[in-house]
Amino acid sequence: MSNELRIRAVVGLLLILLASAALYFGGFFFWLLLVVAGVLMQGEWGDLARASPEHRRLSMFAVSVPLALLCPLAAGLSWTAFTLAVAAFFFVILVTRSGRLALGVLYVFVPVAALIFLREQQPGGLLLAFWALSLVWATDIGAYFAGRAIGGPKLAPRVSPSKTWAGLGGGVLAALVLGFVLHRFAGLPIQLAAASGLLAVAAQLGDLLESAMKRRAGVKDSGNLLPGHGGVMDRLDGVVAAAPIAALFYLFLVFP
């Protein structure tokens, strides 16, 4: 194993352990990890949007305010947080005159709020949040192996030359298998298990969106914070798209 692959594997393992611990304990720990990731993602978004350092920092501060109100210790302030997120969006536009930079506030806030919402559900919050996160991981794994084994026509060659339609199919299949395994052995509602394939498509679209932003910015990765992995956005682009839809599916298909 090369040194680069060794670093990638070690960092990947540490990220999995950190995310798993925060997910298991939930509450303050899960919120804190998501907020830190969200603020870092806003910084990377600012870089991809080619914002000045001052505007980039301002946008990071702006998104941190509504994210702070999502803390489980601030019970009852969730709707206030949503209002402040919209206010932060317009605030960034007014101050920086950059709609692209302001969109990062919503790009960060919405999936963080969705994951916290799923994790806080009682009973079953741990399972719901794990489902929303792990189906993205399953999609990536399925897409990688199916794409390499089958190849074939490219999914979006101008945006991401390595992605294929076969990879998308493999990702959808892997997500569905995971969903029904969680239904069979952990009690995930059958409606959500069946919807896992749609979330796999959303995760791939989230990946393509970030790839388009990086191509426009002329960079390979969104950042260099995670050795061997790039930036935080590089690791969570699929989650950004899938988590809000997972929360909506739960609300409209399962929520009592």
Protein backbone atom coordinates (compact mmCIF):
# COMPACT_ATOMS: atom_id res chain seq x y z
CA MET A 1 0.00 0.00 0.00
CA SER A 2 1.37 3.40 -1.00
CA ASN A 3 1.83 6.13 1.56
CA GLU A 4 -1.00 8.15 -0.02
CA LEU A 5 -3.42 5.23 0.21
CA ARG A 6 -2.33 4.58 3.80
CA ILE A 7 -3.05 8.19 4.77
CA ARG A 8 -6.41 8.07 3.01
CA ALA A 9 -7.36 4.86 4.81
CA VAL A 10 -6.33 6.16 8.25
CA VAL A 11 -8.15 9.46 7.81
CA GLY A 12 -11.20 7.67 6.45
CA LEU A 13 -11.28 5.33 9.46
CA LEU A 14 -10.96 8.24 11.88
CA LEU A 15 -13.81 10.06 10.15
CA ILE A 16 -16.02 6.99 10.37
CA LEU A 17 -15.26 6.51 14.07
CA LEU A 18 -15.93 10.19 14.82
CA ALA A 19 -19.19 10.27 12.88
CA SER A 20 -20.35 6.96 14.38
CA ALA A 21 -19.69 8.12 17.94
CA ALA A 22 -21.47 11.44 17.42
CA LEU A 23 -24.40 9.69 15.74
CA TYR A 24 -24.69 7.14 18.54
CA PHE A 25 -24.65 9.66 21.38
CA GLY A 26 -26.82 12.13 19.48
CA GLY A 27 -27.97 15.34 21.13
CA PHE A 28 -25.29 17.93 21.73
CA PHE A 29 -22.46 15.80 20.31
CA PHE A 30 -24.20 15.13 16.99
CA TRP A 31 -25.21 18.80 16.68
CA LEU A 32 -21.66 20.00 17.43
CA LEU A 33 -20.10 17.77 14.78
CA LEU A 34 -22.65 18.90 12.19
CA VAL A 35 -22.17 22.58 13.04
CA VAL A 36 -18.38 22.35 12.74
CA ALA A 37 -18.74 20.51 9.42
CA GLY A 38 -21.32 23.03 8.24
CA VAL A 39 -19.21 26.11 9.00
CA LEU A 40 -16.20 24.51 7.29
CA MET A 41 -18.35 23.68 4.28
CA GLN A 42 -19.49 27.30 4.06
CA GLY A 43 -15.85 28.34 3.96
CA GLU A 44 -15.15 25.90 1.14
CA TRP A 45 -18.28 27.09 -0.67
CA GLY A 46 -16.92 30.62 -0.43
CA ASP A 47 -13.66 29.50 -2.01
CA LEU A 48 -15.51 27.78 -4.88
CA ALA A 49 -17.64 30.91 -5.32
CA ARG A 50 -14.39 32.92 -5.51
CA ALA A 51 -15.44 35.19 -2.68
CA SER A 52 -12.94 37.50 -1.02
CA PRO A 53 -11.52 36.34 2.34
CA GLU A 54 -13.62 38.99 4.12
CA HIS A 55 -16.86 37.94 2.45
CA ARG A 56 -16.01 34.27 2.96
CA ARG A 57 -15.58 34.81 6.71
CA LEU A 58 -18.76 36.89 6.87
CA SER A 59 -20.75 34.08 5.26
CA MET A 60 -19.31 31.57 7.74
CA PHE A 61 -20.39 33.78 10.63
CA ALA A 62 -23.82 34.30 9.06
CA VAL A 63 -24.54 30.58 8.76
CA SER A 64 -23.21 29.85 12.26
CA VAL A 65 -26.02 31.89 13.87
CA PRO A 66 -29.00 29.77 12.70
CA LEU A 67 -26.93 26.60 13.14
CA ALA A 68 -26.35 27.53 16.79
CA LEU A 69 -30.10 27.67 17.41
CA LEU A 70 -30.48 24.06 16.22
CA CYS A 71 -28.69 22.94 19.39
CA PRO A 72 -30.87 20.47 21.33
CA LEU A 73 -30.15 22.55 24.44
CA ALA A 74 -32.06 25.43 22.78
CA ALA A 75 -35.34 23.52 22.71
CA GLY A 76 -38.18 25.18 20.87
CA LEU A 77 -36.02 27.48 18.74
CA SER A 78 -35.97 25.34 15.58
CA TRP A 79 -38.43 27.53 13.67
CA THR A 80 -36.50 30.59 14.78
CA ALA A 81 -33.39 28.96 13.33
CA PHE A 82 -35.12 28.51 9.97
CA THR A 83 -36.19 32.16 9.99
CA LEU A 84 -32.66 33.26 10.79
CA ALA A 85 -31.28 31.03 8.02
CA VAL A 86 -33.45 32.87 5.49
CA ALA A 87 -32.42 36.19 7.05
CA ALA A 88 -28.75 35.16 6.85
CA PHE A 89 -29.21 34.31 3.17
CA PHE A 90 -30.51 37.80 2.36
CA PHE A 91 -27.96 39.40 4.68
CA VAL A 92 -25.09 37.84 2.74
CA ILE A 93 -26.63 38.97 -0.55
CA LEU A 94 -27.05 42.55 0.68
CA VAL A 95 -23.55 42.84 2.09
CA THR A 96 -21.54 40.91 -0.50
CA ARG A 97 -23.73 41.38 -3.59
CA SER A 98 -23.12 37.71 -4.32
CA GLY A 99 -26.09 35.40 -4.73
CA ARG A 100 -23.74 32.46 -5.30
CA LEU A 101 -22.07 32.99 -1.93
CA ALA A 102 -25.44 33.42 -0.19
CA LEU A 103 -26.73 30.14 -1.59
CA GLY A 104 -24.08 28.42 0.49
CA VAL A 105 -25.98 29.38 3.64
CA LEU A 106 -28.98 27.33 2.53
CA TYR A 107 -26.74 24.59 1.10
CA VAL A 108 -25.26 24.13 4.57
CA PHE A 109 -28.20 24.85 6.85
CA VAL A 110 -30.91 22.69 5.27
CA PRO A 111 -29.12 19.29 5.42
CA VAL A 112 -27.80 19.97 8.94
CA ALA A 113 -31.34 20.79 10.12
CA ALA A 114 -32.68 17.68 8.36
CA LEU A 115 -30.16 15.34 10.02
CA ILE A 116 -30.77 16.84 13.46
CA PHE A 117 -34.52 16.50 12.92
CA LEU A 118 -34.18 12.82 12.03
CA ARG A 119 -31.82 12.07 14.94
CA GLU A 120 -34.14 13.75 17.46
CA GLN A 121 -37.15 11.62 16.55
CA GLN A 122 -38.35 9.38 19.36
CA PRO A 123 -38.33 6.47 19.08
CA GLY A 124 -36.06 5.48 16.23
CA GLY A 125 -34.02 8.64 15.70
CA LEU A 126 -30.72 6.79 15.67
CA LEU A 127 -31.97 4.41 12.97
CA LEU A 128 -33.43 7.22 10.85
CA ALA A 129 -30.26 9.32 10.91
CA PHE A 130 -28.10 6.24 10.29
CA TRP A 131 -30.29 5.34 7.30
CA ALA A 132 -29.99 8.83 5.81
CA LEU A 133 -26.20 8.79 6.14
CA SER A 134 -25.40 5.15 5.37
CA LEU A 135 -27.45 5.02 2.18
CA VAL A 136 -25.13 7.71 0.77
CA TRP A 137 -22.13 5.59 1.72
CA ALA A 138 -23.78 2.54 0.14
CA THR A 139 -24.54 4.53 -3.00
CA ASP A 140 -20.92 5.63 -3.35
CA ILE A 141 -19.63 2.09 -2.86
CA GLY A 142 -22.16 0.55 -5.26
CA ALA A 143 -21.51 3.21 -7.88
CA TYR A 144 -17.75 2.78 -7.63
CA PHE A 145 -17.72 -0.98 -8.09
CA ALA A 146 -20.46 -1.09 -10.73
CA GLY A 147 -18.81 1.70 -12.68
CA ARG A 148 -15.43 -0.03 -12.69
CA ALA A 149 -16.85 -3.49 -13.43
CA ILE A 150 -19.34 -2.52 -16.14
CA GLY A 151 -18.26 0.85 -17.48
CA GLY A 152 -20.32 2.02 -20.43
CA PRO A 153 -21.88 5.39 -21.28
CA LYS A 154 -20.92 8.37 -19.15
CA LEU A 155 -23.53 9.93 -16.86
CA ALA A 156 -22.39 13.54 -17.19
CA PRO A 157 -19.04 13.60 -19.03
CA ARG A 158 -18.70 17.39 -19.02
CA VAL A 159 -19.14 17.56 -15.26
CA SER A 160 -17.68 14.31 -13.94
CA PRO A 161 -15.99 12.14 -16.59
CA SER A 162 -15.62 9.15 -14.28
CA LYS A 163 -19.33 8.66 -13.54
CA THR A 164 -21.34 6.20 -15.64
CA TRP A 165 -24.97 5.18 -15.94
CA ALA A 166 -23.92 1.72 -14.77
CA GLY A 167 -22.42 3.30 -11.67
CA LEU A 168 -25.68 5.12 -10.98
CA GLY A 169 -27.58 1.84 -11.31
CA GLY A 170 -25.15 0.11 -8.98
CA GLY A 171 -25.52 2.91 -6.45
CA VAL A 172 -29.31 2.72 -6.55
CA LEU A 173 -29.22 -1.06 -6.14
CA ALA A 174 -26.81 -0.84 -3.19
CA ALA A 175 -29.00 1.78 -1.48
CA LEU A 176 -32.11 -0.35 -1.95
CA VAL A 177 -30.37 -3.42 -0.55
CA LEU A 178 -29.27 -1.42 2.49
CA GLY A 179 -32.77 0.00 2.97
CA PHE A 180 -34.44 -3.40 2.96
CA VAL A 181 -31.74 -4.89 5.21
CA LEU A 182 -32.43 -2.11 7.72
CA HIS A 183 -36.15 -2.80 7.35
CA ARG A 184 -35.71 -6.53 7.93
CA PHE A 185 -33.27 -6.43 10.81
CA ALA A 186 -33.67 -2.98 12.41
CA GLY A 187 -37.29 -2.05 11.81
CA LEU A 188 -36.86 0.77 9.28
CA PRO A 189 -40.34 1.60 7.91
CA ILE A 190 -40.96 -0.16 4.61
CA GLN A 191 -41.85 3.15 2.93
CA LEU A 192 -38.38 4.51 3.67
CA ALA A 193 -36.67 1.30 2.59
CA ALA A 194 -38.45 1.51 -0.77
CA ALA A 195 -37.52 5.20 -1.10
CA SER A 196 -33.81 4.49 -0.66
CA GLY A 197 -33.30 4.21 -4.42
CA LEU A 198 -34.64 7.73 -4.98
CA LEU A 199 -32.30 9.04 -2.30
CA ALA A 200 -29.41 7.33 -4.06
CA VAL A 201 -30.25 9.34 -7.19
CA ALA A 202 -30.39 12.51 -5.08
CA ALA A 203 -26.98 11.70 -3.58
CA GLN A 204 -25.47 11.30 -7.04
CA LEU A 205 -27.00 14.61 -8.14
CA GLY A 206 -25.48 16.26 -5.08
CA ASP A 207 -22.11 14.85 -6.09
CA LEU A 208 -22.54 16.19 -9.62
CA LEU A 209 -23.50 19.64 -8.33
CA GLU A 210 -20.29 19.90 -6.35
CA SER A 211 -18.29 18.55 -9.29
CA ALA A 212 -19.77 21.30 -11.48
CA MET A 213 -18.80 23.93 -8.91
CA LYS A 214 -15.24 22.61 -8.71
CA ARG A 215 -14.94 22.48 -12.49
CA ARG A 216 -16.16 26.08 -12.73
CA ALA A 217 -13.67 27.13 -10.05
CA GLY A 218 -10.87 25.18 -11.76
CA VAL A 219 -9.97 23.03 -8.74
CA LYS A 220 -9.79 19.29 -8.11
CA ASP A 221 -11.03 19.33 -4.50
CA SER A 222 -13.17 21.70 -2.45
CA GLY A 223 -10.36 21.99 0.09
CA ASN A 224 -7.37 20.22 1.62
CA LEU A 225 -8.47 19.87 5.24
CA LEU A 226 -8.79 16.08 5.07
CA PRO A 227 -5.56 14.45 3.83
CA GLY A 228 -6.27 12.04 1.02
CA HIS A 229 -9.94 13.08 0.87
CA GLY A 230 -9.93 16.76 -0.06
CA GLY A 231 -12.39 19.05 1.68
CA VAL A 232 -15.45 18.54 3.86
CA MET A 233 -17.75 19.21 0.91
CA ASP A 234 -16.02 16.44 -1.02
CA ARG A 235 -17.09 13.99 1.64
CA LEU A 236 -20.61 15.29 2.29
CA ASP A 237 -21.86 16.43 -1.13
CA GLY A 238 -24.18 13.41 -1.41
CA VAL A 239 -25.47 13.85 2.14
CA VAL A 240 -26.32 17.49 1.42
CA ALA A 241 -28.80 16.40 -1.26
CA ALA A 242 -30.10 13.20 0.32
CA ALA A 243 -30.67 14.26 3.94
CA PRO A 244 -33.39 16.90 3.32
CA ILE A 245 -35.30 14.53 1.02
CA ALA A 246 -34.98 11.76 3.63
CA ALA A 247 -36.53 14.08 6.22
CA LEU A 248 -39.36 14.97 3.83
CA PHE A 249 -40.04 11.30 3.11
CA TYR A 250 -40.22 10.61 6.83
CA LEU A 251 -42.58 13.56 7.40
CA PHE A 252 -44.99 12.69 4.61
CA LEU A 253 -44.77 8.89 4.48
CA VAL A 254 -44.21 7.84 8.10
CA PHE A 255 -44.62 10.69 10.58
CA PRO A 256 -47.62 9.88 12.83
